Amino acid sequence: MIRFGRLCYERHLLVAMDGNLSALLSDGTVLCTKAGCHKGFLVDDDLLVVDRQGRKLRGQGAPTSELLMHLACYDERADIRAVVHAHPPMSIAFTIAGVSMARCVLPEVVLTLGAVPTVEYATTGTLTLADKIRPYVRDHDAILMDRHGAVCLGTSLLDAFCKLETMEHTAFITKSARDLGSVKELPPEEAVKLRSMGLKRYGGPPVAVARADEPGAGLPEACLSCSGCSHPSPSGVAPRAELKMARVVSQPLRSPEMEDRLVAAVLRSLGPS
């Protein structure tokens, strides 16, 4: 846990006192980071153990203020052994801009994560936020919270961390593509094929795995009706077609009249011959 906290900091996935990590122990208790500690400089004393009701069993200080969110994840998914909550900047920027990442763009991401949903805003550290993410936890391993950050689930801390990295990498690539002009989403049939293949090959949320052979393979409607390839829309990942730039056309640089004036100016500058 100490190592992954440092990796989150080194990879610019959180700063200062942001974020928190937890792991389910073999006896059913939860190891987690404490409140008010820098994840880039974690030491043993920054970790403590709580029971599934959030009562501290061992360690110094108070548990992370986001403990309710972590416990909600373990309650909803018996297959989950670790939770990483961080503040990946590009992914959060997508939520602030109102651009959804619950779309199918990169084949490797669809294969391993599916689509990344965004939970509507709720105050950090509250039961309200914990309850809001529960339905998403059942279907997804990587989730964004509006204006707040990401929560990634895994069978281990390494697994959860890899999903966090993948999410932020996807956000960076998508943003770069938007800056270059537009985003080409995967054809719906290819997205479904990849998601079904990924659930069977790599697993995932049990609810999602059960839908692997269903039409749509559990993907959101946005992945089943492309809007970002040749017909950008405000709800898609492609930018709106409201270009604000000069139009460059091919034409002679000088007119005959301009050329005559230039020749006359040169001759005057040379003086009388």
Protein backbone atom coordinates (compact mmCIF):
# COMPACT_ATOMS: atom_id res chain seq x y z
CA MET A 1 0.00 0.00 0.00
CA ILE A 2 2.88 2.34 0.76
CA ARG A 3 4.39 1.62 -2.64
CA PHE A 4 1.14 2.25 -4.52
CA GLY A 5 0.53 5.48 -2.64
CA ARG A 6 3.90 6.70 -3.81
CA LEU A 7 3.21 5.55 -7.36
CA CYS A 8 -0.05 7.51 -7.40
CA TYR A 9 1.89 10.61 -6.37
CA GLU A 10 4.77 10.03 -8.78
CA ARG A 11 2.35 9.44 -11.66
CA HIS A 12 0.56 12.76 -10.84
CA LEU A 13 -2.68 10.95 -10.01
CA LEU A 14 -2.98 12.83 -6.71
CA VAL A 15 -1.21 15.58 -4.79
CA ALA A 16 -0.80 16.71 -1.18
CA MET A 17 -3.35 15.01 1.09
CA ASP A 18 -5.56 13.85 -1.78
CA GLY A 19 -6.83 10.32 -2.23
CA ASN A 20 -6.94 7.18 -0.16
CA LEU A 21 -6.26 3.47 -0.54
CA SER A 22 -7.63 0.35 1.10
CA ALA A 23 -7.32 -3.42 0.88
CA LEU A 24 -9.48 -6.22 2.24
CA LEU A 25 -7.51 -8.48 4.59
CA SER A 26 -7.93 -12.26 4.88
CA ASP A 27 -9.87 -11.96 8.15
CA GLY A 28 -12.45 -9.61 6.58
CA THR A 29 -11.08 -6.42 8.10
CA VAL A 30 -9.86 -3.49 6.00
CA LEU A 31 -6.40 -1.95 5.86
CA CYS A 32 -6.61 1.71 4.84
CA THR A 33 -4.71 4.97 4.81
CA LYS A 34 -5.43 7.37 7.64
CA ALA A 35 -6.86 10.86 7.30
CA GLY A 36 -4.53 13.77 6.61
CA CYS A 37 -1.47 11.93 5.32
CA HIS A 38 0.50 12.55 2.14
CA LYS A 39 0.20 9.48 -0.08
CA GLY A 40 3.55 10.16 -1.72
CA PHE A 41 5.35 9.82 1.61
CA LEU A 42 3.43 7.06 3.36
CA VAL A 43 5.00 5.19 6.27
CA ASP A 44 3.74 2.31 8.38
CA ASP A 45 2.17 4.67 10.93
CA ASP A 46 -0.05 6.11 8.18
CA LEU A 47 -1.92 2.81 7.85
CA LEU A 48 -4.59 1.43 10.14
CA VAL A 49 -7.13 -1.40 10.29
CA VAL A 50 -10.90 -1.03 10.60
CA ASP A 51 -13.79 -3.47 10.69
CA ARG A 52 -16.52 -3.56 8.06
CA GLN A 53 -18.57 -1.04 10.05
CA GLY A 54 -15.68 1.43 10.00
CA ARG A 55 -14.60 1.03 13.63
CA LYS A 56 -10.86 1.38 14.13
CA LEU A 57 -9.17 -1.78 15.37
CA ARG A 58 -5.47 -0.94 15.09
CA GLY A 59 -3.32 2.06 14.23
CA GLN A 60 -2.86 5.70 15.07
CA GLY A 61 -5.09 8.57 14.04
CA ALA A 62 -8.45 8.51 12.27
CA PRO A 63 -9.35 6.48 9.15
CA THR A 64 -9.59 8.22 5.82
CA SER A 65 -12.59 10.54 5.52
CA GLU A 66 -13.66 8.53 2.44
CA LEU A 67 -13.93 5.26 4.39
CA LEU A 68 -17.69 5.00 3.77
CA MET A 69 -17.04 4.95 0.03
CA HIS A 70 -14.48 2.16 0.39
CA LEU A 71 -16.78 0.09 2.59
CA ALA A 72 -19.62 0.53 0.08
CA CYS A 73 -17.39 -0.94 -2.62
CA TYR A 74 -16.60 -4.02 -0.53
CA ASP A 75 -20.25 -4.42 0.42
CA GLU A 76 -21.37 -4.40 -3.21
CA ARG A 77 -18.67 -6.62 -4.66
CA ALA A 78 -17.50 -9.81 -2.96
CA ASP A 79 -14.82 -10.20 -5.65
CA ILE A 80 -13.09 -6.92 -4.81
CA ARG A 81 -9.99 -6.95 -2.62
CA ALA A 82 -8.66 -3.39 -3.08
CA VAL A 83 -9.90 0.14 -3.73
CA VAL A 84 -7.86 3.12 -4.91
CA HIS A 85 -9.36 6.61 -4.83
CA ALA A 86 -7.32 9.35 -6.49
CA HIS A 87 -7.69 12.69 -8.24
CA PRO A 88 -6.38 12.16 -11.80
CA PRO A 89 -6.38 15.68 -13.27
CA MET A 90 -7.33 14.99 -16.89
CA SER A 91 -10.13 12.62 -15.92
CA ILE A 92 -11.53 15.14 -13.45
CA ALA A 93 -11.31 17.84 -16.12
CA PHE A 94 -13.66 15.75 -18.26
CA THR A 95 -16.27 15.80 -15.49
CA ILE A 96 -15.91 19.56 -14.99
CA ALA A 97 -16.26 20.15 -18.72
CA GLY A 98 -19.34 17.94 -18.78
CA VAL A 99 -17.80 15.49 -21.27
CA SER A 100 -18.56 11.85 -20.58
CA MET A 101 -15.90 9.14 -20.67
CA ALA A 102 -18.62 6.48 -20.84
CA ARG A 103 -17.86 5.96 -24.50
CA CYS A 104 -15.98 3.38 -26.55
CA VAL A 105 -12.88 4.84 -28.15
CA LEU A 106 -9.77 2.76 -27.41
CA PRO A 107 -10.01 -1.01 -28.05
CA GLU A 108 -7.72 -1.94 -25.15
CA VAL A 109 -9.84 0.06 -22.72
CA VAL A 110 -13.13 -1.43 -23.93
CA LEU A 111 -11.51 -4.85 -23.64
CA THR A 112 -10.37 -4.40 -20.04
CA LEU A 113 -12.61 -1.70 -18.52
CA GLY A 114 -15.61 -1.21 -20.77
CA ALA A 115 -16.87 2.36 -20.45
CA VAL A 116 -16.09 4.73 -17.55
CA PRO A 117 -19.25 6.27 -16.04
CA THR A 118 -19.49 9.51 -14.06
CA VAL A 119 -21.43 9.65 -10.79
CA GLU A 120 -23.29 12.91 -10.22
CA TYR A 121 -21.87 15.29 -7.67
CA ALA A 122 -22.19 14.69 -3.93
CA THR A 123 -20.22 16.10 -1.01
CA THR A 124 -16.97 14.28 -0.41
CA GLY A 125 -16.77 11.94 2.57
CA THR A 126 -20.54 11.65 3.02
CA LEU A 127 -22.90 8.70 3.17
CA THR A 128 -24.72 10.32 0.26
CA LEU A 129 -21.67 9.94 -1.96
CA ALA A 130 -21.10 6.37 -0.80
CA ASP A 131 -24.70 5.48 -1.64
CA LYS A 132 -24.52 7.20 -5.03
CA ILE A 133 -21.63 5.06 -6.22
CA ARG A 134 -23.16 1.73 -5.16
CA PRO A 135 -25.12 1.09 -8.40
CA TYR A 136 -22.03 1.94 -10.46
CA VAL A 137 -19.76 -0.32 -8.41
CA ARG A 138 -21.95 -3.31 -9.30
CA ASP A 139 -21.30 -2.83 -13.03
CA HIS A 140 -17.91 -1.13 -13.30
CA ASP A 141 -14.32 -1.37 -12.07
CA ALA A 142 -13.39 2.25 -12.84
CA ILE A 143 -15.70 5.12 -11.94
CA LEU A 144 -15.45 8.91 -12.05
CA MET A 145 -17.12 11.16 -9.50
CA ASP A 146 -18.16 14.58 -10.76
CA ARG A 147 -15.56 17.22 -9.78
CA HIS A 148 -14.07 14.87 -7.21
CA GLY A 149 -11.96 12.08 -8.62
CA ALA A 150 -11.85 8.42 -9.49
CA VAL A 151 -12.49 5.22 -7.62
CA CYS A 152 -10.98 2.06 -9.07
CA LEU A 153 -11.60 -1.48 -7.86
CA GLY A 154 -9.43 -4.54 -8.21
CA THR A 155 -8.59 -8.03 -7.09
CA SER A 156 -5.39 -6.48 -5.69
CA LEU A 157 -3.88 -3.05 -5.19
CA LEU A 158 -1.88 -3.56 -8.39
CA ASP A 159 -5.06 -4.37 -10.30
CA ALA A 160 -6.89 -1.30 -8.97
CA PHE A 161 -3.87 0.94 -9.65
CA CYS A 162 -3.58 -0.33 -13.24
CA LYS A 163 -7.23 0.57 -13.85
CA LEU A 164 -6.61 4.06 -12.49
CA GLU A 165 -3.61 4.51 -14.79
CA THR A 166 -5.61 3.24 -17.75
CA MET A 167 -8.44 5.68 -17.02
CA GLU A 168 -6.15 8.70 -16.90
CA HIS A 169 -4.19 7.56 -19.96
CA THR A 170 -7.48 7.25 -21.86
CA ALA A 171 -8.52 10.75 -20.79
CA PHE A 172 -5.19 12.17 -21.96
CA ILE A 173 -5.40 10.47 -25.38
CA THR A 174 -9.03 11.50 -25.85
CA LYS A 175 -8.27 15.12 -24.93
CA SER A 176 -5.33 15.14 -27.36
CA ALA A 177 -7.55 13.81 -30.14
CA ARG A 178 -10.18 16.48 -29.41
CA ASP A 179 -7.47 19.13 -29.62
CA LEU A 180 -6.39 17.79 -33.00
CA GLY A 181 -9.90 17.95 -34.39
CA SER A 182 -12.24 15.11 -33.45
CA VAL A 183 -12.55 11.71 -31.82
CA LYS A 184 -13.36 8.61 -33.83
CA GLU A 185 -15.35 6.21 -31.69
CA LEU A 186 -15.25 2.48 -32.28
CA PRO A 187 -17.99 1.10 -34.52
CA PRO A 188 -20.77 -0.24 -32.25
CA GLU A 189 -20.38 -3.82 -33.44
CA GLU A 190 -16.64 -3.76 -32.71
CA ALA A 191 -17.19 -2.23 -29.27
CA VAL A 192 -19.65 -5.02 -28.38
CA LYS A 193 -17.27 -7.68 -29.69
CA LEU A 194 -14.37 -6.31 -27.64
CA ARG A 195 -16.37 -5.92 -24.44
CA SER A 196 -17.78 -9.44 -24.67
CA MET A 197 -14.30 -10.84 -25.35
CA GLY A 198 -12.78 -8.89 -22.48
CA LEU A 199 -15.36 -10.00 -19.92
CA LYS A 200 -14.79 -13.64 -20.86
CA ARG A 201 -11.02 -13.35 -20.99
CA TYR A 202 -10.25 -11.02 -18.09
CA GLY A 203 -13.41 -11.13 -16.00
CA GLY A 204 -14.91 -8.09 -14.33
CA PRO A 205 -17.93 -7.23 -12.23
CA PRO A 206 -20.01 -10.43 -11.90
CA VAL A 207 -23.11 -8.57 -13.10
CA ALA A 208 -21.23 -7.46 -16.22
CA VAL A 209 -19.75 -10.90 -16.89
CA ALA A 210 -23.26 -12.36 -16.84
CA ARG A 211 -24.18 -10.02 -19.71
CA ALA A 212 -21.19 -10.87 -21.90
CA ASP A 213 -23.30 -12.70 -24.50
CA GLU A 214 -26.29 -10.37 -24.39
CA PRO A 215 -26.92 -7.86 -27.20
CA GLY A 216 -24.78 -4.83 -26.42
CA ALA A 217 -22.71 -6.76 -23.86
CA GLY A 218 -23.84 -4.32 -21.18
CA LEU A 219 -22.27 -1.29 -22.86
CA PRO A 220 -23.97 2.12 -22.51
CA GLU A 221 -26.16 3.39 -25.32
CA ALA A 222 -23.47 5.94 -26.21
CA CYS A 223 -21.23 3.10 -27.38
CA LEU A 224 -23.98 1.56 -29.50
CA SER A 225 -24.76 4.64 -31.58
CA CYS A 226 -21.61 6.49 -32.61
CA SER A 227 -21.82 10.29 -32.45
CA GLY A 228 -18.19 11.30 -32.61
CA CYS A 229 -16.93 10.01 -35.95
CA SER A 230 -18.36 12.14 -38.71
CA HIS A 231 -21.28 13.75 -36.88
CA PRO A 232 -19.96 15.39 -33.69
CA SER A 233 -22.56 16.34 -31.11
CA PRO A 234 -22.40 18.15 -27.76
CA SER A 235 -23.06 14.87 -25.96
CA GLY A 236 -20.27 13.00 -27.73
CA VAL A 237 -16.54 13.02 -27.15
CA ALA A 238 -15.89 14.87 -30.38
CA PRO A 239 -15.78 18.69 -30.23
CA ARG A 240 -18.68 20.75 -31.49
CA ALA A 241 -18.40 21.76 -35.10
CA GLU A 242 -18.10 25.47 -34.36
CA LEU A 243 -14.76 26.28 -35.93
CA LYS A 244 -13.24 29.66 -35.13
CA MET A 245 -10.25 30.01 -37.40
CA ALA A 246 -9.12 31.62 -40.65
CA ARG A 247 -9.93 29.84 -43.87
CA VAL A 248 -6.86 29.31 -46.04
CA VAL A 249 -7.41 29.07 -49.78
CA SER A 250 -5.00 28.53 -52.64
CA GLN A 251 -4.53 31.69 -54.77
CA PRO A 252 -1.70 33.79 -56.23
CA LEU A 253 0.21 35.73 -53.63
CA ARG A 254 0.30 38.89 -55.86
CA SER A 255 -2.08 40.43 -58.33
CA PRO A 256 -0.73 42.00 -61.58
CA GLU A 257 -1.49 45.47 -60.19
CA MET A 258 0.46 44.74 -57.01
CA GLU A 259 3.35 43.43 -59.05
CA ASP A 260 3.46 46.65 -61.13
CA ARG A 261 3.49 48.74 -57.96
CA LEU A 262 6.33 46.68 -56.49
CA VAL A 263 8.41 47.05 -59.64
CA ALA A 264 7.82 50.82 -59.67
CA ALA A 265 8.82 51.08 -55.99
CA VAL A 266 12.04 49.17 -56.62
CA LEU A 267 12.94 51.37 -59.59
CA ARG A 268 12.35 54.55 -57.56
CA SER A 269 14.59 53.26 -54.81
CA LEU A 270 17.39 52.73 -57.33
CA GLY A 271 17.29 56.38 -58.40
CA PRO A 272 17.91 57.75 -61.93
CA SER A 273 19.95 55.48 -64.15
